[in-house]
Amino acid sequence: MNKDEISGKVDQVVGKVKQGVGEAIGNQKVANQGVIDQAKGAAKETWGNAKDAANQVRESQKETAEQKADNVRHNYQPVSGGCQGEG
């Protein structure tokens, strides 16, 4: 979990509280601001989820590349003969 996900969750909770308070006291402006805060929080959380997913893909690709490089190094056998000394 990253800071965007956490911040998004907090914004959603704060928005839910604002919405409830606004509705309870009959202040539609506060209630609407609460709904907006919830939407902003959901967007922020989604952005955090996307960043986590991208990092997981990057790490997976890095591990795969490292494994392939290790396999190549392990299986490498120099070609004998070559072009040395010819001429």
PDB file of N, CA and C in Angstrom:
ATOM      1  N   MET A   1       0.852  -1.171   0.000  1.00  0.00           N
ATOM      2  CA  MET A   1       0.000   0.000   0.000  1.00  0.00           C
ATOM      3  C   MET A   1       0.900   1.237   0.000  1.00  0.00           C
ATOM      4  N   ASN A   2       0.576   2.200  -0.862  1.00  0.00           N
ATOM      5  CA  ASN A   2       1.395   3.402  -0.946  1.00  0.00           C
ATOM      6  C   ASN A   2       0.648   4.614  -0.394  1.00  0.00           C
ATOM      7  N   LYS A   3       1.322   5.748  -0.390  1.00  0.00           N
ATOM      8  CA  LYS A   3       0.742   6.938   0.242  1.00  0.00           C
ATOM      9  C   LYS A   3      -0.520   7.417  -0.470  1.00  0.00           C
ATOM     10  N   ASP A   4      -0.612   7.220  -1.788  1.00  0.00           N
ATOM     11  CA  ASP A   4      -1.820   7.634  -2.509  1.00  0.00           C
ATOM     12  C   ASP A   4      -3.026   6.794  -2.100  1.00  0.00           C
ATOM     13  N   GLU A   5      -2.813   5.504  -1.924  1.00  0.00           N
ATOM     14  CA  GLU A   5      -3.908   4.636  -1.496  1.00  0.00           C
ATOM     15  C   GLU A   5      -4.397   5.030  -0.099  1.00  0.00           C
ATOM     16  N   ILE A   6      -3.451   5.255   0.802  1.00  0.00           N
ATOM     17  CA  ILE A   6      -3.808   5.625   2.181  1.00  0.00           C
ATOM     18  C   ILE A   6      -4.506   6.971   2.201  1.00  0.00           C
ATOM     19  N   SER A   7      -3.936   7.947   1.511  1.00  0.00           N
ATOM     20  CA  SER A   7      -4.529   9.279   1.458  1.00  0.00           C
ATOM     21  C   SER A   7      -5.929   9.229   0.852  1.00  0.00           C
ATOM     22  N   GLY A   8      -6.091   8.416  -0.175  1.00  0.00           N
ATOM     23  CA  GLY A   8      -7.399   8.267  -0.803  1.00  0.00           C
ATOM     24  C   GLY A   8      -8.433   7.693   0.146  1.00  0.00           C
ATOM     25  N   LYS A   9      -8.029   6.688   0.904  1.00  0.00           N
ATOM     26  CA  LYS A   9      -8.948   6.094   1.877  1.00  0.00           C
ATOM     27  C   LYS A   9      -9.337   7.115   2.946  1.00  0.00           C
ATOM     28  N   VAL A  10      -8.352   7.883   3.409  1.00  0.00           N
ATOM     29  CA  VAL A  10      -8.632   8.913   4.426  1.00  0.00           C
ATOM     30  C   VAL A  10      -9.598   9.949   3.859  1.00  0.00           C
ATOM     31  N   ASP A  11      -9.353  10.398   2.637  1.00  0.00           N
ATOM     32  CA  ASP A  11     -10.245  11.381   2.014  1.00  0.00           C
ATOM     33  C   ASP A  11     -11.668  10.846   1.893  1.00  0.00           C
ATOM     34  N   GLN A  12     -11.794   9.566   1.592  1.00  0.00           N
ATOM     35  CA  GLN A  12     -13.128   8.972   1.478  1.00  0.00           C
ATOM     36  C   GLN A  12     -13.847   8.965   2.822  1.00  0.00           C
ATOM     37  N   VAL A  13     -13.122   8.627   3.869  1.00  0.00           N
ATOM     38  CA  VAL A  13     -13.727   8.592   5.205  1.00  0.00           C
ATOM     39  C   VAL A  13     -14.133  10.006   5.627  1.00  0.00           C
ATOM     40  N   VAL A  14     -13.236  10.971   5.430  1.00  0.00           N
ATOM     41  CA  VAL A  14     -13.541  12.360   5.777  1.00  0.00           C
ATOM     42  C   VAL A  14     -14.759  12.835   4.989  1.00  0.00           C
ATOM     43  N   GLY A  15     -14.802  12.487   3.715  1.00  0.00           N
ATOM     44  CA  GLY A  15     -15.943  12.868   2.884  1.00  0.00           C
ATOM     45  C   GLY A  15     -17.241  12.260   3.369  1.00  0.00           C
ATOM     46  N   LYS A  16     -17.180  11.005   3.776  1.00  0.00           N
ATOM     47  CA  LYS A  16     -18.385  10.329   4.283  1.00  0.00           C
ATOM     48  C   LYS A  16     -18.883  11.017   5.553  1.00  0.00           C
ATOM     49  N   VAL A  17     -17.946  11.391   6.418  1.00  0.00           N
ATOM     50  CA  VAL A  17     -18.325  12.092   7.656  1.00  0.00           C
ATOM     51  C   VAL A  17     -18.945  13.452   7.316  1.00  0.00           C
ATOM     52  N   LYS A  18     -18.294  14.196   6.413  1.00  0.00           N
ATOM     53  CA  LYS A  18     -18.833  15.509   6.016  1.00  0.00           C
ATOM     54  C   LYS A  18     -20.232  15.373   5.432  1.00  0.00           C
ATOM     55  N   GLN A  19     -20.408  14.376   4.600  1.00  0.00           N
ATOM     56  CA  GLN A  19     -21.717  14.163   3.990  1.00  0.00           C
ATOM     57  C   GLN A  19     -22.760  13.898   5.075  1.00  0.00           C
ATOM     58  N   GLY A  20     -22.421  13.022   6.009  1.00  0.00           N
ATOM     59  CA  GLY A  20     -23.352  12.692   7.078  1.00  0.00           C
ATOM     60  C   GLY A  20     -23.673  13.885   7.960  1.00  0.00           C
ATOM     61  N   VAL A  21     -22.649  14.662   8.303  1.00  0.00           N
ATOM     62  CA  VAL A  21     -22.867  15.846   9.139  1.00  0.00           C
ATOM     63  C   VAL A  21     -23.727  16.860   8.387  1.00  0.00           C
ATOM     64  N   GLY A  22     -23.388  17.080   7.119  1.00  0.00           N
ATOM     65  CA  GLY A  22     -24.161  18.030   6.319  1.00  0.00           C
ATOM     66  C   GLY A  22     -25.619  17.637   6.214  1.00  0.00           C
ATOM     67  N   GLU A  23     -25.873  16.361   6.001  1.00  0.00           N
ATOM     68  CA  GLU A  23     -27.254  15.889   5.916  1.00  0.00           C
ATOM     69  C   GLU A  23     -27.950  15.991   7.273  1.00  0.00           C
ATOM     70  N   ALA A  24     -27.220  15.713   8.343  1.00  0.00           N
ATOM     71  CA  ALA A  24     -27.813  15.740   9.682  1.00  0.00           C
ATOM     72  C   ALA A  24     -28.215  17.162  10.094  1.00  0.00           C
ATOM     73  N   ILE A  25     -27.426  18.147   9.710  1.00  0.00           N
ATOM     74  CA  ILE A  25     -27.735  19.531  10.124  1.00  0.00           C
ATOM     75  C   ILE A  25     -28.473  20.301   9.029  1.00  0.00           C
ATOM     76  N   GLY A  26     -28.753  19.625   7.924  1.00  0.00           N
ATOM     77  CA  GLY A  26     -29.501  20.259   6.851  1.00  0.00           C
ATOM     78  C   GLY A  26     -28.680  21.230   6.019  1.00  0.00           C
ATOM     79  N   ASN A  27     -27.366  21.054   5.991  1.00  0.00           N
ATOM     80  CA  ASN A  27     -26.490  21.925   5.214  1.00  0.00           C
ATOM     81  C   ASN A  27     -26.071  21.170   3.950  1.00  0.00           C
ATOM     82  N   GLN A  28     -26.760  21.461   2.854  1.00  0.00           N
ATOM     83  CA  GLN A  28     -26.516  20.741   1.609  1.00  0.00           C
ATOM     84  C   GLN A  28     -25.120  21.014   1.055  1.00  0.00           C
ATOM     85  N   LYS A  29     -24.595  22.220   1.291  1.00  0.00           N
ATOM     86  CA  LYS A  29     -23.259  22.557   0.791  1.00  0.00           C
ATOM     87  C   LYS A  29     -22.205  21.640   1.430  1.00  0.00           C
ATOM     88  N   VAL A  30     -22.279  21.420   2.732  1.00  0.00           N
ATOM     89  CA  VAL A  30     -21.333  20.542   3.433  1.00  0.00           C
ATOM     90  C   VAL A  30     -21.526  19.099   2.967  1.00  0.00           C
ATOM     91  N   ALA A  31     -22.780  18.688   2.801  1.00  0.00           N
ATOM     92  CA  ALA A  31     -23.059  17.325   2.337  1.00  0.00           C
ATOM     93  C   ALA A  31     -22.479  17.109   0.940  1.00  0.00           C
ATOM     94  N   ASN A  32     -22.655  18.089   0.069  1.00  0.00           N
ATOM     95  CA  ASN A  32     -22.119  17.971  -1.287  1.00  0.00           C
ATOM     96  C   ASN A  32     -20.592  17.954  -1.280  1.00  0.00           C
ATOM     97  N   GLN A  33     -19.984  18.759  -0.425  1.00  0.00           N
ATOM     98  CA  GLN A  33     -18.525  18.756  -0.324  1.00  0.00           C
ATOM     99  C   GLN A  33     -18.036  17.381   0.135  1.00  0.00           C
ATOM    100  N   GLY A  34     -18.792  16.751   1.009  1.00  0.00           N
ATOM    101  CA  GLY A  34     -18.454  15.403   1.448  1.00  0.00           C
ATOM    102  C   GLY A  34     -18.469  14.406   0.311  1.00  0.00           C
ATOM    103  N   VAL A  35     -19.462  14.517  -0.559  1.00  0.00           N
ATOM    104  CA  VAL A  35     -19.549  13.623  -1.719  1.00  0.00           C
ATOM    105  C   VAL A  35     -18.357  13.869  -2.647  1.00  0.00           C
ATOM    106  N   ILE A  36     -18.010  15.134  -2.843  1.00  0.00           N
ATOM    107  CA  ILE A  36     -16.856  15.477  -3.682  1.00  0.00           C
ATOM    108  C   ILE A  36     -15.577  14.901  -3.085  1.00  0.00           C
ATOM    109  N   ASP A  37     -15.405  15.041  -1.770  1.00  0.00           N
ATOM    110  CA  ASP A  37     -14.217  14.497  -1.104  1.00  0.00           C
ATOM    111  C   ASP A  37     -14.137  12.982  -1.272  1.00  0.00           C
ATOM    112  N   GLN A  38     -15.284  12.319  -1.204  1.00  0.00           N
ATOM    113  CA  GLN A  38     -15.296  10.868  -1.392  1.00  0.00           C
ATOM    114  C   GLN A  38     -14.844  10.498  -2.807  1.00  0.00           C
ATOM    115  N   ALA A  39     -15.315  11.247  -3.790  1.00  0.00           N
ATOM    116  CA  ALA A  39     -14.927  10.978  -5.181  1.00  0.00           C
ATOM    117  C   ALA A  39     -13.435  11.232  -5.384  1.00  0.00           C
ATOM    118  N   LYS A  40     -12.932  12.320  -4.815  1.00  0.00           N
ATOM    119  CA  LYS A  40     -11.495  12.610  -4.913  1.00  0.00           C
ATOM    120  C   LYS A  40     -10.686  11.499  -4.254  1.00  0.00           C
ATOM    121  N   GLY A  41     -11.142  11.047  -3.103  1.00  0.00           N
ATOM    122  CA  GLY A  41     -10.453   9.971  -2.396  1.00  0.00           C
ATOM    123  C   GLY A  41     -10.440   8.680  -3.190  1.00  0.00           C
ATOM    124  N   ALA A  42     -11.566   8.375  -3.816  1.00  0.00           N
ATOM    125  CA  ALA A  42     -11.642   7.154  -4.631  1.00  0.00           C
ATOM    126  C   ALA A  42     -10.682   7.246  -5.818  1.00  0.00           C
ATOM    127  N   ALA A  43     -10.608   8.420  -6.437  1.00  0.00           N
ATOM    128  CA  ALA A  43      -9.691   8.604  -7.566  1.00  0.00           C
ATOM    129  C   ALA A  43      -8.241   8.464  -7.114  1.00  0.00           C
ATOM    130  N   LYS A  44      -7.927   9.043  -5.970  1.00  0.00           N
ATOM    131  CA  LYS A  44      -6.560   8.972  -5.443  1.00  0.00           C
ATOM    132  C   LYS A  44      -6.192   7.535  -5.104  1.00  0.00           C
ATOM    133  N   GLU A  45      -7.124   6.814  -4.507  1.00  0.00           N
ATOM    134  CA  GLU A  45      -6.875   5.414  -4.167  1.00  0.00           C
ATOM    135  C   GLU A  45      -6.660   4.579  -5.433  1.00  0.00           C
ATOM    136  N   THR A  46      -7.473   4.829  -6.455  1.00  0.00           N
ATOM    137  CA  THR A  46      -7.327   4.115  -7.722  1.00  0.00           C
ATOM    138  C   THR A  46      -5.965   4.398  -8.339  1.00  0.00           C
ATOM    139  N   TRP A  47      -5.525   5.652  -8.292  1.00  0.00           N
ATOM    140  CA  TRP A  47      -4.201   6.018  -8.804  1.00  0.00           C
ATOM    141  C   TRP A  47      -3.122   5.239  -8.040  1.00  0.00           C
ATOM    142  N   GLY A  48      -3.259   5.151  -6.725  1.00  0.00           N
ATOM    143  CA  GLY A  48      -2.304   4.391  -5.930  1.00  0.00           C
ATOM    144  C   GLY A  48      -2.291   2.917  -6.306  1.00  0.00           C
ATOM    145  N   ASN A  49      -3.469   2.357  -6.550  1.00  0.00           N
ATOM    146  CA  ASN A  49      -3.559   0.954  -6.975  1.00  0.00           C
ATOM    147  C   ASN A  49      -2.865   0.744  -8.312  1.00  0.00           C
ATOM    148  N   ALA A  50      -3.046   1.682  -9.227  1.00  0.00           N
ATOM    149  CA  ALA A  50      -2.412   1.573 -10.546  1.00  0.00           C
ATOM    150  C   ALA A  50      -0.894   1.640 -10.418  1.00  0.00           C
ATOM    151  N   LYS A  51      -0.408   2.520  -9.553  1.00  0.00           N
ATOM    152  CA  LYS A  51       1.042   2.620  -9.356  1.00  0.00           C
ATOM    153  C   LYS A  51       1.596   1.324  -8.771  1.00  0.00           C
ATOM    154  N   ASP A  52       0.877   0.740  -7.818  1.00  0.00           N
ATOM    155  CA  ASP A  52       1.310  -0.539  -7.245  1.00  0.00           C
ATOM    156  C   ASP A  52       1.362  -1.632  -8.309  1.00  0.00           C
ATOM    157  N   ALA A  53       0.337  -1.679  -9.144  1.00  0.00           N
ATOM    158  CA  ALA A  53       0.290  -2.699 -10.199  1.00  0.00           C
ATOM    159  C   ALA A  53       1.454  -2.518 -11.170  1.00  0.00           C
ATOM    160  N   ALA A  54       1.732  -1.279 -11.536  1.00  0.00           N
ATOM    161  CA  ALA A  54       2.852  -1.013 -12.452  1.00  0.00           C
ATOM    162  C   ALA A  54       4.179  -1.427 -11.828  1.00  0.00           C
ATOM    163  N   ASN A  55       4.343  -1.158 -10.543  1.00  0.00           N
ATOM    164  CA  ASN A  55       5.578  -1.558  -9.862  1.00  0.00           C
ATOM    165  C   ASN A  55       5.721  -3.073  -9.803  1.00  0.00           C
ATOM    166  N   GLN A  56       4.614  -3.769  -9.601  1.00  0.00           N
ATOM    167  CA  GLN A  56       4.658  -5.230  -9.568  1.00  0.00           C
ATOM    168  C   GLN A  56       5.058  -5.799 -10.930  1.00  0.00           C
ATOM    169  N   VAL A  57       4.520  -5.225 -11.989  1.00  0.00           N
ATOM    170  CA  VAL A  57       4.877  -5.673 -13.343  1.00  0.00           C
ATOM    171  C   VAL A  57       6.353  -5.415 -13.595  1.00  0.00           C
ATOM    172  N   ARG A  58       6.820  -4.223 -13.216  1.00  0.00           N
ATOM    173  CA  ARG A  58       8.224  -3.866 -13.424  1.00  0.00           C
ATOM    174  C   ARG A  58       9.137  -4.825 -12.677  1.00  0.00           C
ATOM    175  N   GLU A  59       8.817  -5.127 -11.435  1.00  0.00           N
ATOM    176  CA  GLU A  59       9.633  -6.057 -10.647  1.00  0.00           C
ATOM    177  C   GLU A  59       9.635  -7.453 -11.264  1.00  0.00           C
ATOM    178  N   SER A  60       8.472  -7.884 -11.731  1.00  0.00           N
ATOM    179  CA  SER A  60       8.371  -9.203 -12.353  1.00  0.00           C
ATOM    180  C   SER A  60       9.230  -9.266 -13.618  1.00  0.00           C
ATOM    181  N   GLN A  61       9.168  -8.228 -14.434  1.00  0.00           N
ATOM    182  CA  GLN A  61       9.966  -8.190 -15.665  1.00  0.00           C
ATOM    183  C   GLN A  61      11.454  -8.144 -15.337  1.00  0.00           C
ATOM    184  N   LYS A  62      11.814  -7.420 -14.305  1.00  0.00           N
ATOM    185  CA  LYS A  62      13.217  -7.331 -13.892  1.00  0.00           C
ATOM    186  C   LYS A  62      13.732  -8.707 -13.462  1.00  0.00           C
ATOM    187  N   GLU A  63      12.925  -9.415 -12.655  1.00  0.00           N
ATOM    188  CA  GLU A  63      13.312 -10.747 -12.201  1.00  0.00           C
ATOM    189  C   GLU A  63      13.464 -11.702 -13.381  1.00  0.00           C
ATOM    190  N   THR A  64      12.532 -11.632 -14.332  1.00  0.00           N
ATOM    191  CA  THR A  64      12.591 -12.500 -15.510  1.00  0.00           C
ATOM    192  C   THR A  64      13.857 -12.216 -16.319  1.00  0.00           C
ATOM    193  N   ALA A  65      14.162 -10.942 -16.507  1.00  0.00           N
ATOM    194  CA  ALA A  65      15.368 -10.567 -17.264  1.00  0.00           C
ATOM    195  C   ALA A  65      16.628 -11.042 -16.548  1.00  0.00           C
ATOM    196  N   GLU A  66      16.658 -10.913 -15.225  1.00  0.00           N
ATOM    197  CA  GLU A  66      17.820 -11.378 -14.466  1.00  0.00           C
ATOM    198  C   GLU A  66      17.984 -12.890 -14.572  1.00  0.00           C
ATOM    199  N   GLN A  67      16.877 -13.626 -14.521  1.00  0.00           N
ATOM    200  CA  GLN A  67      16.939 -15.080 -14.653  1.00  0.00           C
ATOM    201  C   GLN A  67      17.454 -15.483 -16.035  1.00  0.00           C
ATOM    202  N   LYS A  68      16.971 -14.806 -17.070  1.00  0.00           N
ATOM    203  CA  LYS A  68      17.430 -15.128 -18.424  1.00  0.00           C
ATOM    204  C   LYS A  68      18.912 -14.809 -18.583  1.00  0.00           C
ATOM    205  N   ALA A  69      19.358 -13.689 -18.018  1.00  0.00           N
ATOM    206  CA  ALA A  69      20.771 -13.325 -18.102  1.00  0.00           C
ATOM    207  C   ALA A  69      21.621 -14.355 -17.362  1.00  0.00           C
ATOM    208  N   ASP A  70      21.167 -14.810 -16.206  1.00  0.00           N
ATOM    209  CA  ASP A  70      21.897 -15.839 -15.467  1.00  0.00           C
ATOM    210  C   ASP A  70      21.980 -17.136 -16.264  1.00  0.00           C
ATOM    211  N   ASN A  71      20.888 -17.507 -16.917  1.00  0.00           N
ATOM    212  CA  ASN A  71      20.889 -18.722 -17.739  1.00  0.00           C
ATOM    213  C   ASN A  71      21.872 -18.602 -18.886  1.00  0.00           C
ATOM    214  N   VAL A  72      21.923 -17.453 -19.534  1.00  0.00           N
ATOM    215  CA  VAL A  72      22.851 -17.249 -20.639  1.00  0.00           C
ATOM    216  C   VAL A  72      24.285 -17.337 -20.123  1.00  0.00           C
ATOM    217  N   ARG A  73      24.572 -16.679 -19.006  1.00  0.00           N
ATOM    218  CA  ARG A  73      25.927 -16.720 -18.441  1.00  0.00           C
ATOM    219  C   ARG A  73      26.319 -18.145 -18.061  1.00  0.00           C
ATOM    220  N   HIS A  74      25.364 -18.879 -17.487  1.00  0.00           N
ATOM    221  CA  HIS A  74      25.634 -20.245 -17.041  1.00  0.00           C
ATOM    222  C   HIS A  74      25.878 -21.181 -18.226  1.00  0.00           C
ATOM    223  N   ASN A  75      25.153 -20.989 -19.296  1.00  0.00           N
ATOM    224  CA  ASN A  75      25.240 -21.887 -20.451  1.00  0.00           C
ATOM    225  C   ASN A  75      26.221 -21.406 -21.515  1.00  0.00           C
ATOM    226  N   TYR A  76      26.865 -20.281 -21.315  1.00  0.00           N
ATOM    227  CA  TYR A  76      27.776 -19.723 -22.317  1.00  0.00           C
ATOM    228  C   TYR A  76      29.026 -20.578 -22.435  1.00  0.00           C
ATOM    229  N   GLN A  77      29.367 -20.923 -23.657  1.00  0.00           N
ATOM    230  CA  GLN A  77      30.610 -21.632 -23.940  1.00  0.00           C
ATOM    231  C   GLN A  77      31.269 -20.929 -25.108  1.00  0.00           C
ATOM    232  N   PRO A  78      32.475 -20.411 -24.915  1.00  0.00           N
ATOM    233  CA  PRO A  78      33.138 -19.678 -25.972  1.00  0.00           C
ATOM    234  C   PRO A  78      33.379 -20.548 -27.193  1.00  0.00           C
ATOM    235  N   VAL A  79      33.322 -19.939 -28.351  1.00  0.00           N
ATOM    236  CA  VAL A  79      33.567 -20.651 -29.610  1.00  0.00           C
ATOM    237  C   VAL A  79      35.082 -20.738 -29.781  1.00  0.00           C
ATOM    238  N   SER A  80      35.578 -21.946 -30.032  1.00  0.00           N
ATOM    239  CA  SER A  80      37.028 -22.104 -30.215  1.00  0.00           C
ATOM    240  C   SER A  80      37.393 -21.930 -31.678  1.00  0.00           C
ATOM    241  N   GLY A  81      38.616 -21.600 -31.933  1.00  0.00           N
ATOM    242  CA  GLY A  81      39.067 -21.415 -33.302  1.00  0.00           C
ATOM    243  C   GLY A  81      39.048 -19.955 -33.679  1.00  0.00           C
ATOM    244  N   GLY A  82      37.932 -19.448 -34.013  1.00  0.00           N
ATOM    245  CA  GLY A  82      37.750 -18.032 -34.308  1.00  0.00           C
ATOM    246  C   GLY A  82      38.651 -17.532 -35.406  1.00  0.00           C
ATOM    247  N   CYS A  83      38.929 -16.269 -35.412  1.00  0.00           N
ATOM    248  CA  CYS A  83      39.710 -15.609 -36.453  1.00  0.00           C
ATOM    249  C   CYS A  83      41.083 -15.214 -35.956  1.00  0.00           C
ATOM    250  N   GLN A  84      41.489 -15.697 -34.842  1.00  0.00           N
ATOM    251  CA  GLN A  84      42.771 -15.287 -34.295  1.00  0.00           C
ATOM    252  C   GLN A  84      43.931 -15.916 -35.064  1.00  0.00           C
ATOM    253  N   GLY A  85      44.905 -15.096 -35.363  1.00  0.00           N
ATOM    254  CA  GLY A  85      46.121 -15.599 -35.969  1.00  0.00           C
ATOM    255  C   GLY A  85      46.018 -15.962 -37.437  1.00  0.00           C
ATOM    256  N   GLU A  86      44.901 -15.775 -38.060  1.00  0.00           N
ATOM    257  CA  GLU A  86      44.779 -16.091 -39.484  1.00  0.00           C
ATOM    258  C   GLU A  86      45.328 -14.930 -40.301  1.00  0.00           C
ATOM    259  N   GLY A  87      45.979 -15.235 -41.381  1.00  0.00           N
ATOM    260  CA  GLY A  87      46.394 -14.152 -42.246  1.00  0.00           C
ATOM    261  C   GLY A  87      47.670 -14.318 -42.844  1.00  0.00           C
TER     262      GLY A  87
END
